[in-house]
Amino acid sequence: MPLDPDAERLLAMMREAGRPPFENLTPDEARAAFRAGRAVTQPDPVPVAEVRDLSCPGPRGDIPLRSYRPLGASAEETLPAMVYFHGGGWVVGDLESHDVACRHYANAARCAVVSVDYRMGPEHKFPAATDDCAAATRWVLAQSTALHIDPARVAVGGDSAGGNLAAVMALMARDGDLPPLCFQLLVYPVTDLGMSFPSYARITEGVPLTSKTMAWFIGHYLAGPKDHSDWRASPLRAASLSGVAPALVLTAAYDPLCDEGIAYARRLEREGVRVLHLHYSDQLHGFVGQGRIIRAAGTALDMMGAVLKRALSAPT
């Protein structure tokens, strides 16, 4: 399938700018490049009713959070919620990089969104990110009254590395290590860090995320190869996915993560979990965050917001 013309235009802009691949940069240089790229490709942030910077206790100090409430919601209204984990290969990204998406989800799903700024590699190796995300999810549910959210209607979500973390949180909730969750939103998620799926051999150059870039991210995230088989790093390797929260899984064909995302969606379905799989055969990894250039991003966010709104709706 040919690449979306908007995505082709984005790639041409990147070539013209001479942007080096992340694997040729230090982590700090990659973080700066990621911030600069987002400024060019993201649309303007939409207004919401409230944005608050918060923090919660974590295993190694306070974890920064950002809370969003949708347009039209009063300060005292009890809302459903999504705890959101940003993407960026467990190395780049922060609350700012995913501010636009969190605002969109809040308005489209008419829910509160709490974004989590978890610890990242290489300074903090696996399982620091999972530990922080678990601590933040527990805290949000424990503080539901103060945050004016309904603890019976809380989802988790994330893109790429954040999708990996959201899938892990859903497994932990299934096993009783976290309070129950009602939905998981997995946007081109990493599900198996072994890098063994065919899409890693297909997507090797010419796009922002390649197999080499993923190897760089994983090398900074994990302490060693033995961590590949830990389900907290590779949720596709969990003994069972049965009983986890219903899911939406989005995949894109021009993405080394494509095949493992498809495999996760199919396994969820096979093991009795309700799942909606959205596949974009003409899109790049990361396109959902590039709406200033790629018009399909807004449509994807609207669709996912609508699905999330339905999943979080009160039982009738």
C-alpha atoms as a PDB file:
ATOM      1  CA  MET A   1       0.000   0.000   0.000  1.00  0.00           C
ATOM      2  CA  PRO A   2       1.438   3.441  -0.917  1.00  0.00           C
ATOM      3  CA  LEU A   3       2.233   5.745   1.986  1.00  0.00           C
ATOM      4  CA  ASP A   4      -0.257   8.512   2.749  1.00  0.00           C
ATOM      5  CA  PRO A   5       0.793  11.635   0.770  1.00  0.00           C
ATOM      6  CA  ASP A   6       0.779  13.652   3.985  1.00  0.00           C
ATOM      7  CA  ALA A   7       3.215  11.162   5.526  1.00  0.00           C
ATOM      8  CA  GLU A   8       5.367  11.381   2.389  1.00  0.00           C
ATOM      9  CA  ARG A   9       5.442  15.151   2.824  1.00  0.00           C
ATOM     10  CA  LEU A  10       6.527  14.744   6.449  1.00  0.00           C
ATOM     11  CA  LEU A  11       9.381  12.441   5.418  1.00  0.00           C
ATOM     12  CA  ALA A  12      10.472  14.942   2.767  1.00  0.00           C
ATOM     13  CA  MET A  13      10.522  17.700   5.403  1.00  0.00           C
ATOM     14  CA  MET A  14      12.665  15.530   7.676  1.00  0.00           C
ATOM     15  CA  ARG A  15      15.117  14.749   4.879  1.00  0.00           C
ATOM     16  CA  GLU A  16      15.366  18.437   3.984  1.00  0.00           C
ATOM     17  CA  ALA A  17      16.008  19.335   7.624  1.00  0.00           C
ATOM     18  CA  GLY A  18      18.772  16.700   7.815  1.00  0.00           C
ATOM     19  CA  ARG A  19      17.413  15.211  11.007  1.00  0.00           C
ATOM     20  CA  PRO A  20      19.690  12.370  12.166  1.00  0.00           C
ATOM     21  CA  PRO A  21      18.169   9.117  13.414  1.00  0.00           C
ATOM     22  CA  PHE A  22      17.928   8.772  17.181  1.00  0.00           C
ATOM     23  CA  GLU A  23      20.453   5.924  17.190  1.00  0.00           C
ATOM     24  CA  ASN A  24      23.123   8.421  16.060  1.00  0.00           C
ATOM     25  CA  LEU A  25      22.425  10.695  19.028  1.00  0.00           C
ATOM     26  CA  THR A  26      22.980  10.628  22.766  1.00  0.00           C
ATOM     27  CA  PRO A  27      19.815  10.297  24.887  1.00  0.00           C
ATOM     28  CA  ASP A  28      19.919  14.009  25.755  1.00  0.00           C
ATOM     29  CA  GLU A  29      20.359  14.952  22.090  1.00  0.00           C
ATOM     30  CA  ALA A  30      17.484  12.646  21.164  1.00  0.00           C
ATOM     31  CA  ARG A  31      15.238  14.284  23.763  1.00  0.00           C
ATOM     32  CA  ALA A  32      16.007  17.728  22.353  1.00  0.00           C
ATOM     33  CA  ALA A  33      15.380  16.517  18.791  1.00  0.00           C
ATOM     34  CA  PHE A  34      12.081  14.949  19.840  1.00  0.00           C
ATOM     35  CA  ARG A  35      10.946  18.195  21.454  1.00  0.00           C
ATOM     36  CA  ALA A  36      11.920  20.206  18.374  1.00  0.00           C
ATOM     37  CA  GLY A  37      10.141  17.815  16.026  1.00  0.00           C
ATOM     38  CA  ARG A  38       6.937  17.893  18.021  1.00  0.00           C
ATOM     39  CA  ALA A  39       6.865  21.691  17.805  1.00  0.00           C
ATOM     40  CA  VAL A  40       6.776  21.429  14.006  1.00  0.00           C
ATOM     41  CA  THR A  41       4.395  18.492  13.545  1.00  0.00           C
ATOM     42  CA  GLN A  42       1.814  18.825  16.340  1.00  0.00           C
ATOM     43  CA  PRO A  43      -1.345  20.894  15.887  1.00  0.00           C
ATOM     44  CA  ASP A  44      -2.152  23.674  18.311  1.00  0.00           C
ATOM     45  CA  PRO A  45      -3.481  22.443  21.683  1.00  0.00           C
ATOM     46  CA  VAL A  46      -7.249  22.577  21.987  1.00  0.00           C
ATOM     47  CA  PRO A  47      -8.775  24.269  25.026  1.00  0.00           C
ATOM     48  CA  VAL A  48     -10.038  22.148  27.912  1.00  0.00           C
ATOM     49  CA  ALA A  49     -11.853  23.069  31.113  1.00  0.00           C
ATOM     50  CA  GLU A  50      -8.862  22.553  33.394  1.00  0.00           C
ATOM     51  CA  VAL A  51      -5.198  21.548  33.313  1.00  0.00           C
ATOM     52  CA  ARG A  52      -3.393  20.934  36.599  1.00  0.00           C
ATOM     53  CA  ASP A  53       0.146  19.781  37.291  1.00  0.00           C
ATOM     54  CA  LEU A  54       0.188  17.288  40.161  1.00  0.00           C
ATOM     55  CA  SER A  55       2.517  14.704  41.646  1.00  0.00           C
ATOM     56  CA  CYS A  56       2.188  11.425  43.482  1.00  0.00           C
ATOM     57  CA  PRO A  57       4.553   9.359  45.617  1.00  0.00           C
ATOM     58  CA  GLY A  58       6.657   6.862  43.683  1.00  0.00           C
ATOM     59  CA  PRO A  59       9.219   4.166  44.439  1.00  0.00           C
ATOM     60  CA  ARG A  60      12.109   6.639  44.084  1.00  0.00           C
ATOM     61  CA  GLY A  61      10.502  10.007  44.745  1.00  0.00           C
ATOM     62  CA  ASP A  62       7.547  11.977  43.494  1.00  0.00           C
ATOM     63  CA  ILE A  63       6.174  11.256  40.015  1.00  0.00           C
ATOM     64  CA  PRO A  64       5.032  14.310  38.017  1.00  0.00           C
ATOM     65  CA  LEU A  65       1.476  14.093  36.677  1.00  0.00           C
ATOM     66  CA  ARG A  66      -0.786  16.330  34.637  1.00  0.00           C
ATOM     67  CA  SER A  67      -4.561  16.254  34.985  1.00  0.00           C
ATOM     68  CA  TYR A  68      -7.021  17.355  32.278  1.00  0.00           C
ATOM     69  CA  ARG A  69     -10.773  17.892  32.499  1.00  0.00           C
ATOM     70  CA  PRO A  70     -12.852  18.291  29.327  1.00  0.00           C
ATOM     71  CA  LEU A  71     -14.646  21.358  28.082  1.00  0.00           C
ATOM     72  CA  GLY A  72     -18.030  21.725  29.719  1.00  0.00           C
ATOM     73  CA  ALA A  73     -17.138  19.777  32.862  1.00  0.00           C
ATOM     74  CA  SER A  74     -17.580  21.531  36.172  1.00  0.00           C
ATOM     75  CA  ALA A  75     -14.884  21.337  38.823  1.00  0.00           C
ATOM     76  CA  GLU A  76     -17.077  19.143  41.039  1.00  0.00           C
ATOM     77  CA  GLU A  77     -18.472  16.806  38.382  1.00  0.00           C
ATOM     78  CA  THR A  78     -17.507  13.153  38.761  1.00  0.00           C
ATOM     79  CA  LEU A  79     -16.021  11.954  35.468  1.00  0.00           C
ATOM     80  CA  PRO A  80     -14.647   8.725  34.072  1.00  0.00           C
ATOM     81  CA  ALA A  81     -10.897   8.842  33.566  1.00  0.00           C
ATOM     82  CA  MET A  82      -7.934   7.542  31.613  1.00  0.00           C
ATOM     83  CA  VAL A  83      -4.413   7.263  33.057  1.00  0.00           C
ATOM     84  CA  TYR A  84      -2.101   7.984  30.108  1.00  0.00           C
ATOM     85  CA  PHE A  85       1.525   6.935  29.537  1.00  0.00           C
ATOM     86  CA  HIS A  86       3.448   8.829  26.863  1.00  0.00           C
ATOM     87  CA  GLY A  87       5.468   7.212  24.118  1.00  0.00           C
ATOM     88  CA  GLY A  88       9.108   7.785  23.253  1.00  0.00           C
ATOM     89  CA  GLY A  89      10.881   4.450  23.564  1.00  0.00           C
ATOM     90  CA  TRP A  90      11.194   4.750  27.361  1.00  0.00           C
ATOM     91  CA  VAL A  91      13.955   7.329  26.639  1.00  0.00           C
ATOM     92  CA  VAL A  92      12.337  10.475  25.178  1.00  0.00           C
ATOM     93  CA  GLY A  93       9.007  12.219  25.730  1.00  0.00           C
ATOM     94  CA  ASP A  94       7.349  13.872  28.710  1.00  0.00           C
ATOM     95  CA  LEU A  95       4.164  15.596  29.813  1.00  0.00           C
ATOM     96  CA  GLU A  96       4.659  18.370  27.244  1.00  0.00           C
ATOM     97  CA  SER A  97       5.213  16.078  24.263  1.00  0.00           C
ATOM     98  CA  HIS A  98       1.788  14.466  24.670  1.00  0.00           C
ATOM     99  CA  ASP A  99      -0.167  17.455  25.953  1.00  0.00           C
ATOM    100  CA  VAL A 100      -2.022  17.885  22.646  1.00  0.00           C
ATOM    101  CA  ALA A 101      -3.154  14.247  22.528  1.00  0.00           C
ATOM    102  CA  CYS A 102      -4.277  14.233  26.158  1.00  0.00           C
ATOM    103  CA  ARG A 103      -6.394  17.335  25.591  1.00  0.00           C
ATOM    104  CA  HIS A 104      -7.972  15.726  22.530  1.00  0.00           C
ATOM    105  CA  TYR A 105      -8.805  12.509  24.395  1.00  0.00           C
ATOM    106  CA  ALA A 106     -10.301  14.441  27.308  1.00  0.00           C
ATOM    107  CA  ASN A 107     -12.691  16.380  25.074  1.00  0.00           C
ATOM    108  CA  ALA A 108     -13.507  13.558  22.637  1.00  0.00           C
ATOM    109  CA  ALA A 109     -14.249  11.006  25.386  1.00  0.00           C
ATOM    110  CA  ARG A 110     -15.570  13.559  27.887  1.00  0.00           C
ATOM    111  CA  CYS A 111     -13.312  12.136  30.561  1.00  0.00           C
ATOM    112  CA  ALA A 112     -10.542  13.225  32.864  1.00  0.00           C
ATOM    113  CA  VAL A 113      -7.049  12.321  31.681  1.00  0.00           C
ATOM    114  CA  VAL A 114      -4.077  11.968  34.008  1.00  0.00           C
ATOM    115  CA  SER A 115      -0.742  11.897  32.164  1.00  0.00           C
ATOM    116  CA  VAL A 116       2.231  10.253  33.885  1.00  0.00           C
ATOM    117  CA  ASP A 117       5.870  11.407  33.625  1.00  0.00           C
ATOM    118  CA  TYR A 118       7.501   8.094  34.559  1.00  0.00           C
ATOM    119  CA  ARG A 119      11.250   7.533  34.950  1.00  0.00           C
ATOM    120  CA  MET A 120      13.094   6.628  31.762  1.00  0.00           C
ATOM    121  CA  GLY A 121      16.289   4.978  30.562  1.00  0.00           C
ATOM    122  CA  PRO A 122      19.165   4.960  30.408  1.00  0.00           C
ATOM    123  CA  GLU A 123      19.266   6.751  33.760  1.00  0.00           C
ATOM    124  CA  HIS A 124      16.542   4.488  35.164  1.00  0.00           C
ATOM    125  CA  LYS A 125      16.480   0.981  33.741  1.00  0.00           C
ATOM    126  CA  PHE A 126      13.568  -1.467  33.569  1.00  0.00           C
ATOM    127  CA  PRO A 127      11.407  -1.940  35.612  1.00  0.00           C
ATOM    128  CA  ALA A 128      11.545   1.691  36.812  1.00  0.00           C
ATOM    129  CA  ALA A 129       8.976   2.843  34.238  1.00  0.00           C
ATOM    130  CA  THR A 130       6.528   0.038  35.069  1.00  0.00           C
ATOM    131  CA  ASP A 131       6.947   0.641  38.791  1.00  0.00           C
ATOM    132  CA  ASP A 132       6.206   4.352  38.387  1.00  0.00           C
ATOM    133  CA  CYS A 133       3.194   3.740  36.155  1.00  0.00           C
ATOM    134  CA  ALA A 134       1.785   1.232  38.632  1.00  0.00           C
ATOM    135  CA  ALA A 135       2.301   3.672  41.521  1.00  0.00           C
ATOM    136  CA  ALA A 136       0.616   6.474  39.572  1.00  0.00           C
ATOM    137  CA  THR A 137      -2.345   4.285  38.583  1.00  0.00           C
ATOM    138  CA  ARG A 138      -2.857   3.176  42.192  1.00  0.00           C
ATOM    139  CA  TRP A 139      -2.675   6.784  43.367  1.00  0.00           C
ATOM    140  CA  VAL A 140      -5.208   8.047  40.829  1.00  0.00           C
ATOM    141  CA  LEU A 141      -7.702   5.395  41.896  1.00  0.00           C
ATOM    142  CA  ALA A 142      -7.009   5.971  45.590  1.00  0.00           C
ATOM    143  CA  GLN A 143      -7.522   9.722  45.103  1.00  0.00           C
ATOM    144  CA  SER A 144     -10.652   9.356  43.001  1.00  0.00           C
ATOM    145  CA  THR A 145     -12.811  11.405  45.367  1.00  0.00           C
ATOM    146  CA  ALA A 146     -10.368  14.319  45.480  1.00  0.00           C
ATOM    147  CA  LEU A 147      -9.845  14.142  41.706  1.00  0.00           C
ATOM    148  CA  HIS A 148     -13.610  13.907  41.065  1.00  0.00           C
ATOM    149  CA  ILE A 149     -13.352  10.741  39.008  1.00  0.00           C
ATOM    150  CA  ASP A 150     -15.387   7.535  39.096  1.00  0.00           C
ATOM    151  CA  PRO A 151     -13.090   4.683  40.246  1.00  0.00           C
ATOM    152  CA  ALA A 152     -15.336   2.136  38.500  1.00  0.00           C
ATOM    153  CA  ARG A 153     -14.707   3.820  35.133  1.00  0.00           C
ATOM    154  CA  VAL A 154     -10.939   4.180  34.807  1.00  0.00           C
ATOM    155  CA  ALA A 155      -8.986   3.179  31.707  1.00  0.00           C
ATOM    156  CA  VAL A 156      -5.292   3.126  30.876  1.00  0.00           C
ATOM    157  CA  GLY A 157      -3.791   4.209  27.579  1.00  0.00           C
ATOM    158  CA  GLY A 158      -0.595   5.043  25.819  1.00  0.00           C
ATOM    159  CA  ASP A 159       1.254   5.132  22.523  1.00  0.00           C
ATOM    160  CA  SER A 160       4.306   3.081  21.541  1.00  0.00           C
ATOM    161  CA  ALA A 161       6.334   2.597  24.753  1.00  0.00           C
ATOM    162  CA  GLY A 162       3.324   4.059  26.577  1.00  0.00           C
ATOM    163  CA  GLY A 163       1.111   1.449  24.940  1.00  0.00           C
ATOM    164  CA  ASN A 164       3.478  -1.186  26.280  1.00  0.00           C
ATOM    165  CA  LEU A 165       3.126   0.249  29.777  1.00  0.00           C
ATOM    166  CA  ALA A 166      -0.666   0.469  29.503  1.00  0.00           C
ATOM    167  CA  ALA A 167      -0.861  -3.198  28.454  1.00  0.00           C
ATOM    168  CA  VAL A 168       1.286  -4.136  31.449  1.00  0.00           C
ATOM    169  CA  MET A 169      -0.979  -2.129  33.787  1.00  0.00           C
ATOM    170  CA  ALA A 170      -4.010  -3.992  32.400  1.00  0.00           C
ATOM    171  CA  LEU A 171      -2.319  -7.320  33.149  1.00  0.00           C
ATOM    172  CA  MET A 172      -1.435  -6.171  36.673  1.00  0.00           C
ATOM    173  CA  ALA A 173      -5.043  -5.115  37.257  1.00  0.00           C
ATOM    174  CA  ARG A 174      -6.271  -8.497  36.017  1.00  0.00           C
ATOM    175  CA  ASP A 175      -3.941 -10.192  38.502  1.00  0.00           C
ATOM    176  CA  GLY A 176      -5.040  -8.014  41.449  1.00  0.00           C
ATOM    177  CA  ASP A 177      -1.792  -6.029  41.672  1.00  0.00           C
ATOM    178  CA  LEU A 178      -3.734  -2.884  40.721  1.00  0.00           C
ATOM    179  CA  PRO A 179      -7.389  -1.977  41.202  1.00  0.00           C
ATOM    180  CA  PRO A 180      -9.709  -3.068  38.375  1.00  0.00           C
ATOM    181  CA  LEU A 181      -9.541  -1.180  35.075  1.00  0.00           C
ATOM    182  CA  CYS A 182     -12.327  -0.991  32.505  1.00  0.00           C
ATOM    183  CA  PHE A 183     -10.436  -0.408  29.229  1.00  0.00           C
ATOM    184  CA  GLN A 184      -6.993  -0.216  27.630  1.00  0.00           C
ATOM    185  CA  LEU A 185      -6.143   2.078  24.699  1.00  0.00           C
ATOM    186  CA  LEU A 186      -3.018   0.774  22.955  1.00  0.00           C
ATOM    187  CA  VAL A 187      -1.680   2.986  20.155  1.00  0.00           C
ATOM    188  CA  TYR A 188       0.964   1.189  18.045  1.00  0.00           C
ATOM    189  CA  PRO A 189       2.156  -0.564  21.226  1.00  0.00           C
ATOM    190  CA  VAL A 190       5.429  -2.368  21.851  1.00  0.00           C
ATOM    191  CA  THR A 191       4.423  -5.846  22.997  1.00  0.00           C
ATOM    192  CA  ASP A 192       7.551  -8.010  22.552  1.00  0.00           C
ATOM    193  CA  LEU A 193      11.054  -6.652  23.039  1.00  0.00           C
ATOM    194  CA  GLY A 194      12.654  -9.643  21.354  1.00  0.00           C
ATOM    195  CA  MET A 195      12.384  -7.825  17.975  1.00  0.00           C
ATOM    196  CA  SER A 196      11.603 -11.122  16.234  1.00  0.00           C
ATOM    197  CA  PHE A 197       8.536 -10.167  14.178  1.00  0.00           C
ATOM    198  CA  PRO A 198       8.816  -9.803  10.371  1.00  0.00           C
ATOM    199  CA  SER A 199       8.030  -6.073  10.420  1.00  0.00           C
ATOM    200  CA  TYR A 200      11.442  -5.478  12.017  1.00  0.00           C
ATOM    201  CA  ALA A 201      13.025  -6.866   8.842  1.00  0.00           C
ATOM    202  CA  ARG A 202      10.705  -4.821   6.587  1.00  0.00           C
ATOM    203  CA  ILE A 203      11.044  -1.393   8.247  1.00  0.00           C
ATOM    204  CA  THR A 204      14.775  -0.738   8.240  1.00  0.00           C
ATOM    205  CA  GLU A 205      15.243   2.727   6.718  1.00  0.00           C
ATOM    206  CA  GLY A 206      13.571   5.858   5.427  1.00  0.00           C
ATOM    207  CA  VAL A 207      11.112   6.406   8.303  1.00  0.00           C
ATOM    208  CA  PRO A 208      11.521   7.925  11.791  1.00  0.00           C
ATOM    209  CA  LEU A 209      11.236   4.611  13.658  1.00  0.00           C
ATOM    210  CA  THR A 210      13.211   1.713  12.198  1.00  0.00           C
ATOM    211  CA  SER A 211      14.451  -1.579  13.580  1.00  0.00           C
ATOM    212  CA  LYS A 212      17.807   0.089  14.358  1.00  0.00           C
ATOM    213  CA  THR A 213      16.054   2.849  16.292  1.00  0.00           C
ATOM    214  CA  MET A 214      14.082   0.288  18.279  1.00  0.00           C
ATOM    215  CA  ALA A 215      17.277  -1.593  19.133  1.00  0.00           C
ATOM    216  CA  TRP A 216      18.719   1.710  20.432  1.00  0.00           C
ATOM    217  CA  PHE A 217      15.639   2.369  22.573  1.00  0.00           C
ATOM    218  CA  ILE A 218      15.538  -1.154  23.964  1.00  0.00           C
ATOM    219  CA  GLY A 219      19.249  -1.076  24.731  1.00  0.00           C
ATOM    220  CA  HIS A 220      18.765   2.041  26.829  1.00  0.00           C
ATOM    221  CA  TYR A 221      15.656   0.685  28.548  1.00  0.00           C
ATOM    222  CA  LEU A 222      16.564  -2.850  29.562  1.00  0.00           C
ATOM    223  CA  ALA A 223      19.324  -3.919  31.904  1.00  0.00           C
ATOM    224  CA  GLY A 224      20.154  -6.859  29.637  1.00  0.00           C
ATOM    225  CA  PRO A 225      18.803  -9.482  27.194  1.00  0.00           C
ATOM    226  CA  LYS A 226      17.306 -11.522  30.043  1.00  0.00           C
ATOM    227  CA  ASP A 227      14.680  -8.813  30.479  1.00  0.00           C
ATOM    228  CA  HIS A 228      13.217  -9.522  27.010  1.00  0.00           C
ATOM    229  CA  SER A 229      11.265 -12.474  28.366  1.00  0.00           C
ATOM    230  CA  ASP A 230       9.807 -10.644  31.389  1.00  0.00           C
ATOM    231  CA  TRP A 231       6.109 -10.035  30.684  1.00  0.00           C
ATOM    232  CA  ARG A 232       6.401  -6.607  32.311  1.00  0.00           C
ATOM    233  CA  ALA A 233       8.676  -5.690  29.389  1.00  0.00           C
ATOM    234  CA  SER A 234       7.048  -7.942  26.775  1.00  0.00           C
ATOM    235  CA  PRO A 235       3.346  -8.311  27.629  1.00  0.00           C
ATOM    236  CA  LEU A 236       2.827 -10.576  24.608  1.00  0.00           C
ATOM    237  CA  ARG A 237       4.901 -13.156  26.526  1.00  0.00           C
ATOM    238  CA  ALA A 238       2.490 -13.216  29.480  1.00  0.00           C
ATOM    239  CA  ALA A 239       1.245 -16.736  30.164  1.00  0.00           C
ATOM    240  CA  SER A 240      -2.332 -15.616  29.566  1.00  0.00           C
ATOM    241  CA  LEU A 241      -4.126 -12.477  28.413  1.00  0.00           C
ATOM    242  CA  SER A 242      -7.522 -13.818  29.408  1.00  0.00           C
ATOM    243  CA  GLY A 243      -9.481 -11.577  31.733  1.00  0.00           C
ATOM    244  CA  VAL A 244      -7.756  -8.275  30.981  1.00  0.00           C
ATOM    245  CA  ALA A 245      -9.801  -5.151  30.265  1.00  0.00           C
ATOM    246  CA  PRO A 246     -11.324  -4.719  26.797  1.00  0.00           C
ATOM    247  CA  ALA A 247      -8.952  -3.036  24.375  1.00  0.00           C
ATOM    248  CA  LEU A 248      -8.500  -0.867  21.342  1.00  0.00           C
ATOM    249  CA  VAL A 249      -5.277  -1.618  19.457  1.00  0.00           C
ATOM    250  CA  LEU A 250      -4.117   0.705  16.673  1.00  0.00           C
ATOM    251  CA  THR A 251      -1.371  -0.387  14.276  1.00  0.00           C
ATOM    252  CA  ALA A 252       0.357   1.203  11.276  1.00  0.00           C
ATOM    253  CA  ALA A 253       1.959  -0.691   8.397  1.00  0.00           C
ATOM    254  CA  TYR A 254       5.078   1.496   8.051  1.00  0.00           C
ATOM    255  CA  ASP A 255       6.168   0.645  11.578  1.00  0.00           C
ATOM    256  CA  PRO A 256       8.553  -2.028  12.894  1.00  0.00           C
ATOM    257  CA  LEU A 257       6.040  -2.558  15.736  1.00  0.00           C
ATOM    258  CA  CYS A 258       3.214  -3.382  13.321  1.00  0.00           C
ATOM    259  CA  ASP A 259       3.297  -7.174  13.481  1.00  0.00           C
ATOM    260  CA  GLU A 260       3.611  -7.453  17.259  1.00  0.00           C
ATOM    261  CA  GLY A 261       0.682  -5.065  17.671  1.00  0.00           C
ATOM    262  CA  ILE A 262      -1.406  -7.184  15.311  1.00  0.00           C
ATOM    263  CA  ALA A 263      -0.321 -10.322  17.182  1.00  0.00           C
ATOM    264  CA  TYR A 264      -1.394  -8.753  20.489  1.00  0.00           C
ATOM    265  CA  ALA A 265      -4.826  -7.824  19.141  1.00  0.00           C
ATOM    266  CA  ARG A 266      -5.341 -11.309  17.703  1.00  0.00           C
ATOM    267  CA  ARG A 267      -4.234 -12.993  20.911  1.00  0.00           C
ATOM    268  CA  LEU A 268      -6.560 -10.819  22.994  1.00  0.00           C
ATOM    269  CA  GLU A 269      -9.437 -11.884  20.768  1.00  0.00           C
ATOM    270  CA  ARG A 270      -8.379 -15.535  20.810  1.00  0.00           C
ATOM    271  CA  GLU A 271      -8.301 -15.524  24.619  1.00  0.00           C
ATOM    272  CA  GLY A 272     -11.761 -14.042  24.997  1.00  0.00           C
ATOM    273  CA  VAL A 273     -11.020 -10.326  25.416  1.00  0.00           C
ATOM    274  CA  ARG A 274     -13.183  -7.825  23.532  1.00  0.00           C
ATOM    275  CA  VAL A 275     -10.866  -5.923  21.202  1.00  0.00           C
ATOM    276  CA  LEU A 276     -11.208  -3.386  18.411  1.00  0.00           C
ATOM    277  CA  HIS A 277      -8.234  -3.389  16.047  1.00  0.00           C
ATOM    278  CA  LEU A 278      -7.696  -0.306  13.859  1.00  0.00           C
ATOM    279  CA  HIS A 279      -5.035  -0.822  11.185  1.00  0.00           C
ATOM    280  CA  TYR A 280      -3.678   1.997   9.022  1.00  0.00           C
ATOM    281  CA  SER A 281      -2.053   0.410   5.973  1.00  0.00           C
ATOM    282  CA  ASP A 282      -0.691   3.763   4.713  1.00  0.00           C
ATOM    283  CA  GLN A 283       0.705   5.304   7.907  1.00  0.00           C
ATOM    284  CA  LEU A 284       3.931   5.706   9.878  1.00  0.00           C
ATOM    285  CA  HIS A 285       4.641   4.974  13.498  1.00  0.00           C
ATOM    286  CA  GLY A 286       3.888   8.133  15.460  1.00  0.00           C
ATOM    287  CA  PHE A 287       1.428   9.641  12.972  1.00  0.00           C
ATOM    288  CA  VAL A 288      -1.240  10.252  15.632  1.00  0.00           C
ATOM    289  CA  GLY A 289       0.971  12.955  17.141  1.00  0.00           C
ATOM    290  CA  GLN A 290       1.706  14.698  13.829  1.00  0.00           C
ATOM    291  CA  GLY A 291      -1.634  16.263  13.024  1.00  0.00           C
ATOM    292  CA  ARG A 292      -0.218  19.557  11.753  1.00  0.00           C
ATOM    293  CA  ILE A 293       1.174  17.628   8.775  1.00  0.00           C
ATOM    294  CA  ILE A 294      -0.766  14.331   8.663  1.00  0.00           C
ATOM    295  CA  ARG A 295      -4.486  15.027   8.504  1.00  0.00           C
ATOM    296  CA  ALA A 296      -5.400  11.412   9.312  1.00  0.00           C
ATOM    297  CA  ALA A 297      -4.134  12.006  12.853  1.00  0.00           C
ATOM    298  CA  GLY A 298      -7.170  14.044  13.838  1.00  0.00           C
ATOM    299  CA  THR A 299      -9.528  11.428  12.435  1.00  0.00           C
ATOM    300  CA  ALA A 300      -7.709   8.685  14.349  1.00  0.00           C
ATOM    301  CA  LEU A 301      -7.893  10.652  17.592  1.00  0.00           C
ATOM    302  CA  ASP A 302     -11.607  11.317  17.041  1.00  0.00           C
ATOM    303  CA  MET A 303     -12.286   7.616  16.436  1.00  0.00           C
ATOM    304  CA  MET A 304     -10.294   6.507  19.458  1.00  0.00           C
ATOM    305  CA  GLY A 305     -11.944   9.182  21.579  1.00  0.00           C
ATOM    306  CA  ALA A 306     -15.377   7.943  20.520  1.00  0.00           C
ATOM    307  CA  VAL A 307     -14.475   4.350  21.367  1.00  0.00           C
ATOM    308  CA  LEU A 308     -13.035   5.433  24.713  1.00  0.00           C
ATOM    309  CA  LYS A 309     -16.171   7.460  25.492  1.00  0.00           C
ATOM    310  CA  ARG A 310     -18.349   4.420  24.896  1.00  0.00           C
ATOM    311  CA  ALA A 311     -16.067   2.186  26.965  1.00  0.00           C
ATOM    312  CA  LEU A 312     -16.187   4.643  29.868  1.00  0.00           C
ATOM    313  CA  SER A 313     -19.927   5.264  29.722  1.00  0.00           C
ATOM    314  CA  ALA A 314     -21.969   4.445  32.796  1.00  0.00           C
ATOM    315  CA  PRO A 315     -23.729   1.054  32.676  1.00  0.00           C
ATOM    316  CA  THR A 316     -27.361   1.254  31.621  1.00  0.00           C
END
